[in-house]
C-alpha cells in the first residue's frame, strides 16, 4: 500500500472548464499514469477482489463460463479506464459496478 501513496499523477496541460468546487475541478483534469503505476494499482487494489467478483457474476448468470467471461471483461475494463479510478477509494464497489453494467 505504501507504494500507492508515492504515485503522483502527471496532469496533462490544456484548456479545461472552470469548476465551481475542488471535486469537480479534480475530475475536469485528465490524469495520466505510467504502465508501472497502472499495474501497481491493478495488482494491489483490484486483484484482491477476484473471488468476490466471480461469486457475484455467478449469482447473476448461474453459469460458470458466463461468470468467468464477466469477470474477465470487468478486469479488462477496469484496466482500460484505470485513470478514472481514484486511488484509495472503494475499489470493490467500483469493480462491482463495472461488472453489473457489463451483465446488463
N, C-alpha and C. Protein backbone atom coordinates (compact mmCIF):
# COMPACT_ATOMS: atom_id res chain seq x y z
N UNK A 1 0.80 -1.20 0.00
CA UNK A 1 0.00 0.00 0.00
C UNK A 1 0.85 1.27 0.00
N UNK A 2 2.05 1.17 0.60
CA UNK A 2 2.90 2.36 0.66
C UNK A 2 3.28 2.85 -0.72
N UNK A 3 3.45 1.93 -1.65
CA UNK A 3 3.85 2.32 -3.00
C UNK A 3 2.76 3.14 -3.68
N UNK A 4 1.49 2.86 -3.35
CA UNK A 4 0.39 3.61 -3.96
C UNK A 4 0.40 5.07 -3.52
N UNK A 5 0.84 5.34 -2.33
CA UNK A 5 0.88 6.71 -1.83
C UNK A 5 1.94 7.53 -2.56
N UNK A 6 2.95 6.83 -3.11
CA UNK A 6 4.03 7.52 -3.81
C UNK A 6 3.66 7.91 -5.23
N UNK A 7 2.53 7.43 -5.71
CA UNK A 7 2.12 7.73 -7.09
C UNK A 7 1.66 9.17 -7.17
N UNK A 8 2.32 9.92 -8.03
CA UNK A 8 1.90 11.30 -8.24
C UNK A 8 1.57 11.46 -9.72
N UNK A 9 0.29 11.42 -10.08
CA UNK A 9 -0.10 11.50 -11.48
C UNK A 9 0.36 12.80 -12.12
N UNK A 10 0.70 12.69 -13.39
CA UNK A 10 1.11 13.87 -14.14
C UNK A 10 -0.12 14.48 -14.82
N UNK A 11 -0.39 15.73 -14.56
CA UNK A 11 -1.54 16.38 -15.16
C UNK A 11 -1.20 16.80 -16.58
N UNK A 12 -2.14 16.56 -17.47
CA UNK A 12 -1.95 16.96 -18.85
C UNK A 12 -2.41 18.40 -18.99
N UNK A 13 -1.61 19.17 -19.72
CA UNK A 13 -1.93 20.57 -19.93
C UNK A 13 -3.07 20.70 -20.93
N UNK A 14 -3.84 21.77 -20.79
CA UNK A 14 -4.92 22.00 -21.75
C UNK A 14 -5.91 22.99 -21.19
N UNK A 15 -6.88 23.32 -21.99
CA UNK A 15 -7.93 24.23 -21.55
C UNK A 15 -9.10 23.42 -21.03
N UNK A 16 -9.34 23.51 -19.74
CA UNK A 16 -10.42 22.78 -19.12
C UNK A 16 -11.42 23.78 -18.55
N UNK A 17 -12.69 23.42 -18.53
CA UNK A 17 -13.68 24.34 -17.98
C UNK A 17 -13.43 24.59 -16.51
N UNK A 18 -13.72 25.80 -16.06
CA UNK A 18 -13.52 26.13 -14.65
C UNK A 18 -14.63 25.50 -13.83
N UNK A 19 -14.24 24.84 -12.76
CA UNK A 19 -15.20 24.16 -11.90
C UNK A 19 -15.52 25.03 -10.70
N UNK A 20 -16.72 24.83 -10.16
CA UNK A 20 -17.16 25.63 -9.02
C UNK A 20 -16.56 25.13 -7.71
N UNK A 21 -16.28 23.86 -7.63
CA UNK A 21 -15.69 23.35 -6.40
C UNK A 21 -14.47 22.48 -6.73
N UNK A 22 -13.75 22.14 -5.70
CA UNK A 22 -12.49 21.42 -5.87
C UNK A 22 -12.70 20.02 -6.43
N UNK A 23 -13.76 19.33 -6.02
CA UNK A 23 -14.03 17.98 -6.51
C UNK A 23 -14.30 17.97 -8.00
N UNK A 24 -15.07 18.92 -8.46
CA UNK A 24 -15.36 19.00 -9.90
C UNK A 24 -14.09 19.37 -10.67
N UNK A 25 -13.26 20.19 -10.08
CA UNK A 25 -12.01 20.59 -10.73
C UNK A 25 -11.09 19.39 -10.89
N UNK A 26 -11.06 18.51 -9.89
CA UNK A 26 -10.21 17.33 -9.96
C UNK A 26 -10.65 16.40 -11.07
N UNK A 27 -11.94 16.29 -11.31
CA UNK A 27 -12.42 15.41 -12.37
C UNK A 27 -12.28 16.04 -13.75
N UNK A 28 -12.15 17.35 -13.82
CA UNK A 28 -12.03 18.03 -15.10
C UNK A 28 -10.63 17.90 -15.69
N UNK A 29 -9.65 17.57 -14.86
CA UNK A 29 -8.26 17.46 -15.31
C UNK A 29 -7.96 16.00 -15.63
N UNK A 30 -7.44 15.76 -16.82
CA UNK A 30 -7.08 14.40 -17.20
C UNK A 30 -5.80 14.00 -16.47
N UNK A 31 -5.76 12.77 -16.01
CA UNK A 31 -4.60 12.27 -15.29
C UNK A 31 -4.02 11.12 -16.10
N UNK A 32 -2.72 11.13 -16.29
CA UNK A 32 -2.09 10.02 -16.99
C UNK A 32 -1.16 9.29 -16.04
N UNK A 33 -1.27 7.98 -16.01
CA UNK A 33 -0.45 7.15 -15.16
C UNK A 33 0.49 6.34 -16.03
N UNK A 34 1.66 6.05 -15.52
CA UNK A 34 2.59 5.20 -16.25
C UNK A 34 2.10 3.76 -16.18
N UNK A 35 2.64 2.90 -17.03
CA UNK A 35 2.24 1.50 -17.03
C UNK A 35 2.55 0.86 -15.68
N UNK A 36 3.68 1.22 -15.10
CA UNK A 36 4.06 0.68 -13.79
C UNK A 36 3.05 1.08 -12.73
N UNK A 37 2.62 2.32 -12.75
CA UNK A 37 1.63 2.80 -11.77
C UNK A 37 0.30 2.09 -11.97
N UNK A 38 -0.11 1.92 -13.23
CA UNK A 38 -1.36 1.22 -13.52
C UNK A 38 -1.29 -0.23 -13.03
N UNK A 39 -0.18 -0.89 -13.30
CA UNK A 39 -0.01 -2.28 -12.88
C UNK A 39 -0.04 -2.40 -11.36
N UNK A 40 0.58 -1.46 -10.68
CA UNK A 40 0.61 -1.48 -9.22
C UNK A 40 -0.79 -1.30 -8.64
N UNK A 41 -1.54 -0.35 -9.17
CA UNK A 41 -2.92 -0.14 -8.71
C UNK A 41 -3.75 -1.39 -8.99
N UNK A 42 -3.62 -1.94 -10.20
CA UNK A 42 -4.39 -3.11 -10.59
C UNK A 42 -4.12 -4.28 -9.65
N UNK A 43 -2.84 -4.54 -9.38
CA UNK A 43 -2.47 -5.68 -8.55
C UNK A 43 -2.87 -5.49 -7.09
N UNK A 44 -2.69 -4.28 -6.56
CA UNK A 44 -2.93 -4.07 -5.14
C UNK A 44 -4.37 -3.73 -4.81
N UNK A 45 -5.07 -3.07 -5.70
CA UNK A 45 -6.43 -2.62 -5.38
C UNK A 45 -7.52 -3.47 -6.02
N UNK A 46 -7.26 -4.01 -7.23
CA UNK A 46 -8.31 -4.71 -7.96
C UNK A 46 -8.25 -6.23 -7.82
N UNK A 47 -7.08 -6.82 -7.98
CA UNK A 47 -6.97 -8.29 -7.97
C UNK A 47 -7.44 -8.95 -6.67
N UNK A 48 -7.29 -8.32 -5.50
CA UNK A 48 -7.78 -8.97 -4.29
C UNK A 48 -9.29 -9.24 -4.30
N UNK A 49 -10.03 -8.61 -5.20
CA UNK A 49 -11.48 -8.77 -5.24
C UNK A 49 -11.94 -9.80 -6.28
N UNK A 50 -10.99 -10.54 -6.84
CA UNK A 50 -11.29 -11.51 -7.90
C UNK A 50 -12.36 -12.52 -7.47
N UNK A 51 -12.19 -13.13 -6.32
CA UNK A 51 -13.12 -14.16 -5.87
C UNK A 51 -14.52 -13.59 -5.61
N UNK A 52 -14.59 -12.43 -4.99
CA UNK A 52 -15.89 -11.80 -4.72
C UNK A 52 -16.59 -11.44 -6.02
N UNK A 53 -15.83 -10.97 -7.01
CA UNK A 53 -16.42 -10.64 -8.31
C UNK A 53 -16.94 -11.89 -8.99
N UNK A 54 -16.18 -12.98 -8.92
CA UNK A 54 -16.63 -14.23 -9.54
C UNK A 54 -17.94 -14.70 -8.88
N UNK A 55 -17.99 -14.66 -7.56
CA UNK A 55 -19.21 -15.09 -6.86
C UNK A 55 -20.42 -14.25 -7.27
N UNK A 56 -20.23 -12.97 -7.36
CA UNK A 56 -21.31 -12.07 -7.78
C UNK A 56 -21.72 -12.38 -9.22
N UNK A 57 -20.75 -12.55 -10.11
CA UNK A 57 -21.04 -12.85 -11.51
C UNK A 57 -21.77 -14.19 -11.64
N UNK A 58 -21.37 -15.16 -10.84
CA UNK A 58 -22.04 -16.47 -10.89
C UNK A 58 -23.49 -16.35 -10.44
N UNK A 59 -23.73 -15.54 -9.42
CA UNK A 59 -25.11 -15.38 -8.94
C UNK A 59 -25.97 -14.57 -9.91
N UNK A 60 -25.34 -13.80 -10.75
CA UNK A 60 -26.10 -13.09 -11.78
C UNK A 60 -26.43 -14.00 -12.95
N UNK A 61 -25.48 -14.84 -13.36
CA UNK A 61 -25.64 -15.62 -14.58
C UNK A 61 -25.98 -17.09 -14.33
N UNK A 62 -25.64 -17.63 -13.17
CA UNK A 62 -25.81 -19.05 -12.85
C UNK A 62 -25.16 -19.96 -13.90
N UNK A 63 -24.03 -19.51 -14.42
CA UNK A 63 -23.28 -20.28 -15.40
C UNK A 63 -21.79 -19.97 -15.21
N UNK A 64 -20.97 -21.00 -15.06
CA UNK A 64 -19.56 -20.80 -14.77
C UNK A 64 -18.84 -20.07 -15.91
N UNK A 65 -19.09 -20.45 -17.14
CA UNK A 65 -18.43 -19.80 -18.27
C UNK A 65 -18.82 -18.33 -18.39
N UNK A 66 -20.10 -18.05 -18.25
CA UNK A 66 -20.54 -16.65 -18.31
C UNK A 66 -19.97 -15.84 -17.15
N UNK A 67 -19.88 -16.46 -15.98
CA UNK A 67 -19.31 -15.76 -14.82
C UNK A 67 -17.83 -15.44 -15.08
N UNK A 68 -17.10 -16.40 -15.62
CA UNK A 68 -15.68 -16.16 -15.95
C UNK A 68 -15.54 -15.05 -16.99
N UNK A 69 -16.40 -15.07 -17.99
CA UNK A 69 -16.37 -14.03 -19.03
C UNK A 69 -16.67 -12.65 -18.45
N UNK A 70 -17.64 -12.58 -17.55
CA UNK A 70 -17.99 -11.30 -16.92
C UNK A 70 -16.83 -10.76 -16.09
N UNK A 71 -16.18 -11.63 -15.35
CA UNK A 71 -15.05 -11.20 -14.52
C UNK A 71 -13.90 -10.74 -15.41
N UNK A 72 -13.64 -11.49 -16.49
CA UNK A 72 -12.58 -11.10 -17.40
C UNK A 72 -12.88 -9.74 -18.03
N UNK A 73 -14.11 -9.55 -18.47
CA UNK A 73 -14.50 -8.26 -19.06
C UNK A 73 -14.39 -7.12 -18.05
N UNK A 74 -14.75 -7.42 -16.81
CA UNK A 74 -14.65 -6.41 -15.74
C UNK A 74 -13.20 -5.97 -15.53
N UNK A 75 -12.28 -6.94 -15.47
CA UNK A 75 -10.88 -6.59 -15.27
C UNK A 75 -10.28 -5.88 -16.49
N UNK A 76 -10.70 -6.27 -17.67
CA UNK A 76 -10.22 -5.57 -18.87
C UNK A 76 -10.68 -4.11 -18.86
N UNK A 77 -11.95 -3.89 -18.53
CA UNK A 77 -12.48 -2.52 -18.49
C UNK A 77 -11.85 -1.72 -17.36
N UNK A 78 -11.64 -2.36 -16.22
CA UNK A 78 -11.04 -1.64 -15.09
C UNK A 78 -9.63 -1.18 -15.42
N UNK A 79 -8.88 -2.01 -16.14
CA UNK A 79 -7.52 -1.62 -16.52
C UNK A 79 -7.56 -0.53 -17.59
N UNK A 80 -8.47 -0.67 -18.52
CA UNK A 80 -8.58 0.31 -19.61
C UNK A 80 -8.94 1.70 -19.07
N UNK A 81 -9.81 1.74 -18.08
CA UNK A 81 -10.28 3.02 -17.54
C UNK A 81 -9.70 3.31 -16.15
N UNK A 82 -8.53 2.78 -15.88
CA UNK A 82 -7.91 2.93 -14.57
C UNK A 82 -7.61 4.39 -14.23
N UNK A 83 -7.45 5.24 -15.25
CA UNK A 83 -7.20 6.67 -15.00
C UNK A 83 -8.39 7.35 -14.35
N UNK A 84 -9.60 6.80 -14.51
CA UNK A 84 -10.77 7.42 -13.89
C UNK A 84 -10.98 6.92 -12.46
N UNK A 85 -10.22 5.91 -12.04
CA UNK A 85 -10.30 5.42 -10.66
C UNK A 85 -9.47 6.30 -9.75
N UNK A 86 -10.02 6.65 -8.61
CA UNK A 86 -9.30 7.46 -7.62
C UNK A 86 -8.69 6.52 -6.58
N UNK A 87 -7.37 6.51 -6.50
CA UNK A 87 -6.65 5.64 -5.58
C UNK A 87 -7.10 5.92 -4.15
N UNK A 88 -7.35 4.84 -3.42
CA UNK A 88 -7.76 4.97 -2.03
C UNK A 88 -9.26 4.96 -1.83
N UNK A 89 -10.03 5.03 -2.92
CA UNK A 89 -11.49 4.94 -2.78
C UNK A 89 -11.90 3.48 -2.79
N UNK A 90 -13.18 3.21 -2.81
CA UNK A 90 -13.70 1.86 -2.71
C UNK A 90 -13.57 1.12 -4.04
N UNK A 91 -12.46 0.42 -4.22
CA UNK A 91 -12.20 -0.30 -5.46
C UNK A 91 -13.22 -1.41 -5.68
N UNK A 92 -13.62 -2.06 -4.61
CA UNK A 92 -14.58 -3.16 -4.73
C UNK A 92 -15.91 -2.67 -5.29
N UNK A 93 -16.41 -1.56 -4.79
CA UNK A 93 -17.66 -1.01 -5.29
C UNK A 93 -17.53 -0.60 -6.76
N UNK A 94 -16.39 -0.03 -7.12
CA UNK A 94 -16.14 0.39 -8.50
C UNK A 94 -16.15 -0.81 -9.43
N UNK A 95 -15.48 -1.89 -9.02
CA UNK A 95 -15.43 -3.10 -9.83
C UNK A 95 -16.80 -3.78 -9.94
N UNK A 96 -17.54 -3.82 -8.84
CA UNK A 96 -18.88 -4.41 -8.87
C UNK A 96 -19.80 -3.64 -9.80
N UNK A 97 -19.67 -2.33 -9.83
CA UNK A 97 -20.49 -1.50 -10.73
C UNK A 97 -20.15 -1.82 -12.19
N UNK A 98 -18.87 -1.97 -12.49
CA UNK A 98 -18.45 -2.32 -13.85
C UNK A 98 -19.02 -3.68 -14.22
N UNK A 99 -18.93 -4.65 -13.31
CA UNK A 99 -19.44 -5.99 -13.59
C UNK A 99 -20.94 -5.97 -13.81
N UNK A 100 -21.66 -5.27 -12.96
CA UNK A 100 -23.11 -5.19 -13.10
C UNK A 100 -23.51 -4.57 -14.43
N UNK A 101 -22.83 -3.50 -14.81
CA UNK A 101 -23.12 -2.84 -16.09
C UNK A 101 -22.77 -3.74 -17.27
N UNK A 102 -21.72 -4.53 -17.15
CA UNK A 102 -21.36 -5.48 -18.22
C UNK A 102 -22.41 -6.57 -18.35
N UNK A 103 -23.00 -6.97 -17.23
CA UNK A 103 -24.03 -8.00 -17.26
C UNK A 103 -25.31 -7.51 -17.92
N UNK A 104 -25.63 -6.25 -17.65
CA UNK A 104 -26.85 -5.66 -18.23
C UNK A 104 -26.63 -5.52 -19.69
